[in-house]
Protein backbone atom coordinates (compact mmCIF):
# COMPACT_ATOMS: atom_id res chain seq x y z
CA GLN A 1 119.44 63.35 69.28
CA LEU A 2 119.86 67.30 69.84
CA GLN A 3 117.40 69.48 68.21
CA LEU A 4 115.91 72.87 68.27
CA VAL A 5 112.71 73.63 66.34
CA GLU A 6 111.33 76.91 65.77
CA SER A 7 107.51 77.82 64.99
CA GLY A 8 105.25 80.65 65.02
CA GLY A 9 106.65 82.62 61.99
CA ASP A 10 103.94 84.12 59.83
CA LEU A 11 102.85 86.99 57.63
CA VAL A 12 101.85 89.98 59.67
CA GLN A 13 101.02 93.50 59.16
CA PRO A 14 103.23 96.33 60.16
CA GLY A 15 102.41 97.39 63.82
CA GLY A 16 101.28 93.87 64.60
CA SER A 17 102.66 91.19 66.93
CA LEU A 18 103.94 87.73 66.71
CA ARG A 19 105.25 85.06 69.16
CA LEU A 20 108.06 82.76 68.14
CA SER A 21 108.63 79.44 70.06
CA CYS A 22 111.73 77.30 69.94
CA ALA A 23 111.23 73.76 71.42
CA ALA A 24 114.23 71.73 72.47
CA SER A 25 114.79 68.09 72.77
CA GLY A 26 117.94 66.18 73.60
CA LEU A 27 119.10 69.07 75.73
CA THR A 28 117.95 70.93 78.78
CA LEU A 29 117.61 74.66 78.02
CA ALA A 30 117.99 75.73 81.56
CA SER A 31 121.53 74.71 81.34
CA PHE A 32 122.24 77.03 78.20
CA ALA A 33 122.28 80.57 77.36
CA ILE A 34 119.88 81.22 74.67
CA GLY A 35 119.84 83.42 71.58
CA TRP A 36 117.60 84.64 68.74
CA PHE A 37 119.09 85.70 65.38
CA ARG A 38 117.87 86.62 62.06
CA GLN A 39 118.90 86.82 58.46
CA ALA A 40 117.30 88.85 55.73
CA PRO A 41 117.86 88.02 52.08
CA GLY A 42 121.09 89.61 50.88
CA LYS A 43 122.12 90.32 54.48
CA GLU A 44 124.45 88.81 57.02
CA ARG A 45 122.96 87.03 60.02
CA GLU A 46 122.47 89.38 62.98
CA GLY A 47 121.91 88.73 66.66
CA VAL A 48 118.32 89.78 67.96
CA SER A 49 118.49 88.82 71.43
CA CYS A 50 119.89 86.58 74.06
CA MET A 51 119.29 85.39 77.66
CA SER A 52 121.75 83.93 80.19
CA ASN A 53 121.10 80.44 81.72
CA SER A 54 119.98 82.01 84.82
CA GLY A 55 117.55 84.32 83.04
CA HIS A 56 119.22 87.35 85.07
CA ILE A 57 121.03 88.70 81.83
CA THR A 58 119.17 89.73 78.72
CA ASN A 59 120.69 91.71 75.65
CA TYR A 60 118.92 93.20 72.64
CA ALA A 61 119.87 94.46 69.55
CA GLY A 62 119.30 98.48 69.54
CA SER A 63 116.95 97.83 66.38
CA VAL A 64 114.57 95.70 68.39
CA LYS A 65 114.92 96.97 71.88
CA GLY A 66 111.56 97.90 73.62
CA ARG A 67 109.60 95.96 70.91
CA PHE A 68 110.94 92.31 71.47
CA THR A 69 110.97 90.44 74.61
CA ILE A 70 112.86 87.20 75.08
CA SER A 71 111.73 84.60 77.62
CA ARG A 72 112.03 80.88 78.52
CA ASP A 73 109.83 78.32 80.22
CA ASN A 74 112.08 75.62 81.60
CA ALA A 75 109.36 73.21 82.57
CA LYS A 76 108.49 73.41 78.89
CA ASN A 77 112.06 73.41 77.59
CA THR A 78 110.94 76.16 75.49
CA VAL A 79 112.37 79.59 74.55
CA TYR A 80 110.03 82.51 73.22
CA LEU A 81 110.54 85.61 71.35
CA GLN A 82 107.66 88.02 71.68
CA MET A 83 107.69 90.58 68.78
CA ASP A 84 105.47 93.81 69.12
CA SER A 85 105.20 96.83 66.91
CA LEU A 86 106.60 94.89 63.88
CA LYS A 87 108.25 96.85 61.06
CA PRO A 88 108.99 95.65 57.40
CA GLU A 89 112.67 95.66 58.15
CA ASP A 90 111.98 92.95 60.65
CA THR A 91 111.24 90.67 57.80
CA ALA A 92 113.80 87.65 58.11
CA VAL A 93 114.30 84.12 58.87
CA TYR A 94 114.62 83.87 62.55
CA TYR A 95 116.73 81.21 64.28
CA CYS A 96 117.09 80.10 67.90
CA ALA A 97 120.23 78.80 69.34
CA ALA A 98 121.70 77.50 72.48
CA GLY A 99 125.31 78.04 73.72
CA ASP A 100 127.63 79.02 76.59
CA TYR A 101 127.21 82.94 76.74
CA CYS A 102 124.86 85.78 76.26
CA SER A 103 127.02 88.64 75.45
CA ALA A 104 125.93 92.11 74.26
CA TYR A 105 127.85 91.52 71.01
CA LEU A 106 125.30 88.75 70.09
CA PHE A 107 128.03 86.84 68.05
CA GLY A 108 126.75 83.67 66.40
CA SER A 109 130.04 81.83 67.27
CA GLU A 110 129.06 81.81 70.84
CA TYR A 111 126.21 79.54 69.99
CA ASN A 112 126.57 75.59 69.58
CA TYR A 113 123.22 74.34 68.56
CA TRP A 114 120.87 75.80 66.00
CA GLY A 115 117.31 75.59 64.82
CA GLN A 116 116.30 75.35 61.28
CA GLY A 117 114.59 78.75 61.35
CA THR A 118 111.09 80.21 60.84
CA GLN A 119 110.10 82.72 58.20
CA VAL A 120 108.68 86.22 59.56
CA THR A 121 107.41 88.54 56.97
CA VAL A 122 105.89 91.85 57.82
CA SER A 123 104.03 93.56 55.19
CA SER A 124 100.61 95.00 54.38
């Protein structure tokens, strides 16, 4: 079975930090580009960040650049999203995905496998 499972979502205060994890089974993440996406209520899904399979290329949405960091641990077959200086507008369900490309456009259609999502709420 192919499965991506996100964890780490929580309620956090503005200015706080959170690290999301995405554990893979049934596929080797080192062979895939990985991405993080999010969807807030009433809004379309948007790309947040991605990393190429080699790790040499990363892309970030302008709204999160400088605050979020994508990383991977191939030995653990896990991808992470470190989120710092969180803002209320970061509130959304966050999804990890695996696919063929990490483009600056962060198109969801470039990704083949998706996790179930984890809720991040930024509020005081």
